[in-house]
Amino acid sequence: MEKEEVCQHLAAITDIKQPKEYVCEECVKTHSSWMHLRTCQTCGVTLCCDSSPNTHMTKHFEATAHPVVISAEPGERWLWCYADELVIGY
């Protein structure tokens, strides 16, 4: 991670949790589709983004208060903090 002005949630990330699979775990259960995937840096769950119909990762943040996710999309290297609405590259 680059040394940038970041919030405490982003600064606390020292090891990036990568997705185990490239599927939204909740969409699979309901046979729904997704646009892009995000991986929670607290628990490691991979869920769909806000461009997806079900917005599972935002719902996960609202239910758990796990603040930081990474893009699980190949080639994308950034973290997003829901709590502070900040993004940084890594």
N, C-alpha and C. Protein backbone atom coordinates (compact mmCIF):
# COMPACT_ATOMS: atom_id res chain seq x y z
N MET A 1 0.84 -1.18 0.00
CA MET A 1 0.00 0.00 0.00
C MET A 1 0.89 1.25 0.00
N GLU A 2 0.53 2.22 -0.77
CA GLU A 2 1.27 3.47 -0.78
C GLU A 2 0.96 4.25 0.48
N LYS A 3 1.91 5.06 0.88
CA LYS A 3 1.69 5.94 2.03
C LYS A 3 0.88 7.15 1.56
N GLU A 4 -0.39 7.14 1.84
CA GLU A 4 -1.28 8.23 1.48
C GLU A 4 -2.05 8.64 2.72
N GLU A 5 -2.77 9.71 2.62
CA GLU A 5 -3.66 10.12 3.69
C GLU A 5 -4.86 9.17 3.66
N VAL A 6 -4.97 8.30 4.65
CA VAL A 6 -6.05 7.30 4.66
C VAL A 6 -6.73 7.28 6.02
N CYS A 7 -7.88 6.67 6.06
CA CYS A 7 -8.60 6.53 7.32
C CYS A 7 -8.00 5.38 8.14
N GLN A 8 -8.42 5.27 9.38
CA GLN A 8 -7.89 4.22 10.26
C GLN A 8 -8.24 2.82 9.75
N HIS A 9 -9.38 2.67 9.10
CA HIS A 9 -9.79 1.35 8.60
C HIS A 9 -8.86 0.87 7.49
N LEU A 10 -8.56 1.77 6.53
CA LEU A 10 -7.65 1.42 5.45
C LEU A 10 -6.23 1.24 5.96
N ALA A 11 -5.80 2.08 6.87
CA ALA A 11 -4.45 1.99 7.43
C ALA A 11 -4.24 0.68 8.19
N ALA A 12 -5.31 0.09 8.71
CA ALA A 12 -5.20 -1.15 9.49
C ALA A 12 -5.01 -2.39 8.62
N ILE A 13 -5.23 -2.27 7.31
CA ILE A 13 -5.09 -3.43 6.42
C ILE A 13 -3.62 -3.66 6.13
N THR A 14 -3.11 -4.81 6.55
CA THR A 14 -1.71 -5.14 6.32
C THR A 14 -1.55 -6.35 5.41
N ASP A 15 -2.60 -7.15 5.27
CA ASP A 15 -2.56 -8.34 4.43
C ASP A 15 -3.87 -8.40 3.65
N ILE A 16 -3.78 -8.40 2.33
CA ILE A 16 -4.97 -8.38 1.48
C ILE A 16 -5.57 -9.78 1.37
N LYS A 17 -6.85 -9.89 1.72
CA LYS A 17 -7.58 -11.16 1.54
C LYS A 17 -8.09 -11.20 0.10
N GLN A 18 -7.63 -12.17 -0.65
CA GLN A 18 -8.05 -12.34 -2.04
C GLN A 18 -9.30 -13.22 -2.10
N PRO A 19 -10.10 -13.09 -3.15
CA PRO A 19 -11.30 -13.93 -3.27
C PRO A 19 -10.93 -15.41 -3.41
N LYS A 20 -11.73 -16.26 -2.79
CA LYS A 20 -11.52 -17.71 -2.93
C LYS A 20 -12.12 -18.19 -4.26
N GLU A 21 -13.25 -17.58 -4.64
CA GLU A 21 -13.91 -17.88 -5.90
C GLU A 21 -14.41 -16.57 -6.50
N TYR A 22 -14.58 -16.54 -7.80
CA TYR A 22 -15.07 -15.34 -8.47
C TYR A 22 -16.57 -15.44 -8.71
N VAL A 23 -17.31 -15.55 -7.60
CA VAL A 23 -18.78 -15.56 -7.63
C VAL A 23 -19.30 -14.80 -6.42
N CYS A 24 -20.48 -14.23 -6.55
CA CYS A 24 -21.15 -13.64 -5.40
C CYS A 24 -21.83 -14.77 -4.65
N GLU A 25 -21.37 -15.02 -3.43
CA GLU A 25 -21.89 -16.15 -2.66
C GLU A 25 -23.40 -16.07 -2.43
N GLU A 26 -23.94 -14.86 -2.28
CA GLU A 26 -25.38 -14.69 -2.05
C GLU A 26 -26.17 -14.80 -3.35
N CYS A 27 -25.66 -14.25 -4.45
CA CYS A 27 -26.36 -14.36 -5.74
C CYS A 27 -26.46 -15.82 -6.18
N VAL A 28 -25.42 -16.61 -5.92
CA VAL A 28 -25.44 -18.03 -6.28
C VAL A 28 -26.62 -18.73 -5.59
N LYS A 29 -26.86 -18.38 -4.33
CA LYS A 29 -27.95 -19.01 -3.57
C LYS A 29 -29.32 -18.74 -4.17
N THR A 30 -29.49 -17.57 -4.79
CA THR A 30 -30.80 -17.17 -5.33
C THR A 30 -30.82 -17.20 -6.86
N HIS A 31 -29.78 -17.74 -7.47
CA HIS A 31 -29.67 -17.82 -8.94
C HIS A 31 -29.78 -16.44 -9.58
N SER A 32 -29.20 -15.44 -8.93
CA SER A 32 -29.19 -14.07 -9.43
C SER A 32 -27.88 -13.80 -10.16
N SER A 33 -27.85 -12.67 -10.86
CA SER A 33 -26.63 -12.29 -11.57
C SER A 33 -25.98 -11.09 -10.88
N TRP A 34 -24.72 -10.84 -11.21
CA TRP A 34 -23.99 -9.73 -10.64
C TRP A 34 -23.14 -9.07 -11.72
N MET A 35 -22.72 -7.83 -11.44
CA MET A 35 -21.87 -7.08 -12.37
C MET A 35 -20.39 -7.26 -12.01
N HIS A 36 -20.03 -6.84 -10.78
CA HIS A 36 -18.65 -6.89 -10.32
C HIS A 36 -18.63 -7.44 -8.90
N LEU A 37 -17.45 -7.90 -8.48
CA LEU A 37 -17.32 -8.53 -7.17
C LEU A 37 -16.38 -7.75 -6.27
N ARG A 38 -16.65 -7.83 -4.96
CA ARG A 38 -15.84 -7.21 -3.93
C ARG A 38 -15.57 -8.26 -2.85
N THR A 39 -14.40 -8.20 -2.22
CA THR A 39 -14.05 -9.14 -1.15
C THR A 39 -13.84 -8.37 0.14
N CYS A 40 -14.57 -8.77 1.19
CA CYS A 40 -14.48 -8.13 2.50
C CYS A 40 -13.12 -8.42 3.12
N GLN A 41 -12.48 -7.38 3.64
CA GLN A 41 -11.16 -7.54 4.23
C GLN A 41 -11.21 -7.90 5.71
N THR A 42 -12.41 -8.00 6.27
CA THR A 42 -12.56 -8.47 7.65
C THR A 42 -12.78 -9.98 7.68
N CYS A 43 -13.75 -10.46 6.88
CA CYS A 43 -14.11 -11.88 6.95
C CYS A 43 -13.81 -12.68 5.69
N GLY A 44 -13.48 -12.00 4.58
CA GLY A 44 -13.10 -12.71 3.36
C GLY A 44 -14.23 -13.10 2.43
N VAL A 45 -15.47 -12.75 2.75
CA VAL A 45 -16.60 -13.09 1.89
C VAL A 45 -16.52 -12.27 0.60
N THR A 46 -16.89 -12.89 -0.52
CA THR A 46 -16.93 -12.19 -1.81
C THR A 46 -18.38 -12.05 -2.23
N LEU A 47 -18.78 -10.79 -2.49
CA LEU A 47 -20.17 -10.47 -2.82
C LEU A 47 -20.21 -9.44 -3.93
N CYS A 48 -21.41 -9.18 -4.45
CA CYS A 48 -21.57 -8.27 -5.58
C CYS A 48 -21.57 -6.80 -5.17
N CYS A 49 -21.24 -5.95 -6.14
CA CYS A 49 -21.09 -4.51 -5.93
C CYS A 49 -22.43 -3.77 -6.07
N ASP A 50 -22.37 -2.46 -5.91
CA ASP A 50 -23.58 -1.63 -6.01
C ASP A 50 -24.12 -1.49 -7.43
N SER A 51 -23.36 -1.85 -8.44
CA SER A 51 -23.87 -1.86 -9.81
C SER A 51 -24.69 -3.11 -10.09
N SER A 52 -24.63 -4.07 -9.19
CA SER A 52 -25.37 -5.32 -9.32
C SER A 52 -26.78 -5.14 -8.75
N PRO A 53 -27.74 -5.90 -9.25
CA PRO A 53 -29.13 -5.74 -8.78
C PRO A 53 -29.32 -5.91 -7.27
N ASN A 54 -28.55 -6.80 -6.63
CA ASN A 54 -28.80 -7.11 -5.22
C ASN A 54 -27.89 -6.38 -4.23
N THR A 55 -26.87 -5.70 -4.68
CA THR A 55 -25.95 -4.92 -3.84
C THR A 55 -25.56 -5.65 -2.54
N HIS A 56 -25.17 -6.91 -2.67
CA HIS A 56 -24.90 -7.73 -1.49
C HIS A 56 -23.76 -7.22 -0.61
N MET A 57 -22.70 -6.64 -1.21
CA MET A 57 -21.59 -6.20 -0.36
C MET A 57 -22.00 -5.00 0.50
N THR A 58 -22.78 -4.07 -0.03
CA THR A 58 -23.25 -2.97 0.79
C THR A 58 -24.15 -3.49 1.91
N LYS A 59 -25.00 -4.45 1.60
CA LYS A 59 -25.86 -5.05 2.63
C LYS A 59 -25.01 -5.75 3.69
N HIS A 60 -23.92 -6.37 3.27
CA HIS A 60 -23.00 -7.03 4.21
C HIS A 60 -22.39 -5.98 5.15
N PHE A 61 -21.93 -4.86 4.60
CA PHE A 61 -21.39 -3.78 5.43
C PHE A 61 -22.44 -3.28 6.41
N GLU A 62 -23.65 -3.05 5.95
CA GLU A 62 -24.71 -2.54 6.82
C GLU A 62 -25.04 -3.52 7.94
N ALA A 63 -24.97 -4.82 7.67
CA ALA A 63 -25.29 -5.83 8.67
C ALA A 63 -24.15 -6.12 9.64
N THR A 64 -22.89 -5.96 9.17
CA THR A 64 -21.75 -6.39 9.98
C THR A 64 -20.83 -5.26 10.43
N ALA A 65 -20.90 -4.11 9.74
CA ALA A 65 -19.97 -2.98 9.97
C ALA A 65 -18.54 -3.33 9.59
N HIS A 66 -18.33 -4.34 8.73
CA HIS A 66 -17.00 -4.63 8.19
C HIS A 66 -16.72 -3.54 7.14
N PRO A 67 -15.77 -2.64 7.40
CA PRO A 67 -15.67 -1.43 6.59
C PRO A 67 -14.92 -1.50 5.27
N VAL A 68 -13.94 -2.41 5.12
CA VAL A 68 -13.06 -2.35 3.96
C VAL A 68 -13.25 -3.55 3.04
N VAL A 69 -13.31 -3.25 1.73
CA VAL A 69 -13.38 -4.29 0.70
C VAL A 69 -12.32 -4.00 -0.35
N ILE A 70 -11.96 -5.04 -1.11
CA ILE A 70 -11.15 -4.84 -2.30
C ILE A 70 -12.02 -5.16 -3.50
N SER A 71 -11.62 -4.64 -4.65
CA SER A 71 -12.22 -5.10 -5.88
C SER A 71 -11.72 -6.51 -6.11
N ALA A 72 -12.61 -7.44 -6.40
CA ALA A 72 -12.22 -8.81 -6.70
C ALA A 72 -12.12 -9.02 -8.21
N GLU A 73 -12.17 -7.94 -8.96
CA GLU A 73 -12.08 -8.03 -10.41
C GLU A 73 -10.62 -8.18 -10.83
N PRO A 74 -10.32 -9.12 -11.73
CA PRO A 74 -8.94 -9.31 -12.20
C PRO A 74 -8.38 -8.00 -12.76
N GLY A 75 -7.18 -7.67 -12.35
CA GLY A 75 -6.51 -6.47 -12.83
C GLY A 75 -6.80 -5.21 -12.04
N GLU A 76 -7.80 -5.22 -11.18
CA GLU A 76 -8.11 -4.05 -10.36
C GLU A 76 -7.45 -4.22 -9.00
N ARG A 77 -6.79 -3.17 -8.51
CA ARG A 77 -6.06 -3.23 -7.23
C ARG A 77 -6.39 -2.00 -6.41
N TRP A 78 -7.55 -2.02 -5.76
CA TRP A 78 -7.94 -0.91 -4.90
C TRP A 78 -8.76 -1.41 -3.72
N LEU A 79 -8.72 -0.61 -2.66
CA LEU A 79 -9.51 -0.87 -1.46
C LEU A 79 -10.51 0.27 -1.29
N TRP A 80 -11.68 -0.05 -0.77
CA TRP A 80 -12.74 0.93 -0.50
C TRP A 80 -13.15 0.80 0.96
N CYS A 81 -13.26 1.94 1.63
CA CYS A 81 -13.77 1.96 3.00
C CYS A 81 -15.19 2.50 2.97
N TYR A 82 -16.15 1.65 3.31
CA TYR A 82 -17.55 2.07 3.37
C TYR A 82 -17.75 3.14 4.44
N ALA A 83 -17.14 2.95 5.60
CA ALA A 83 -17.37 3.85 6.73
C ALA A 83 -16.96 5.28 6.42
N ASP A 84 -15.82 5.45 5.75
CA ASP A 84 -15.28 6.78 5.49
C ASP A 84 -15.37 7.21 4.03
N GLU A 85 -15.93 6.32 3.20
CA GLU A 85 -16.09 6.59 1.76
C GLU A 85 -14.79 7.05 1.11
N LEU A 86 -13.74 6.25 1.32
CA LEU A 86 -12.42 6.53 0.75
C LEU A 86 -11.95 5.32 -0.06
N VAL A 87 -11.19 5.60 -1.10
CA VAL A 87 -10.61 4.54 -1.94
C VAL A 87 -9.12 4.81 -2.06
N ILE A 88 -8.32 3.73 -2.06
CA ILE A 88 -6.88 3.83 -2.33
C ILE A 88 -6.46 2.63 -3.18
N GLY A 89 -5.41 2.83 -3.96
CA GLY A 89 -4.84 1.74 -4.72
C GLY A 89 -3.83 0.98 -3.86
N TYR A 90 -3.55 -0.24 -4.24
CA TYR A 90 -2.51 -1.01 -3.56
C TYR A 90 -1.67 -1.75 -4.57
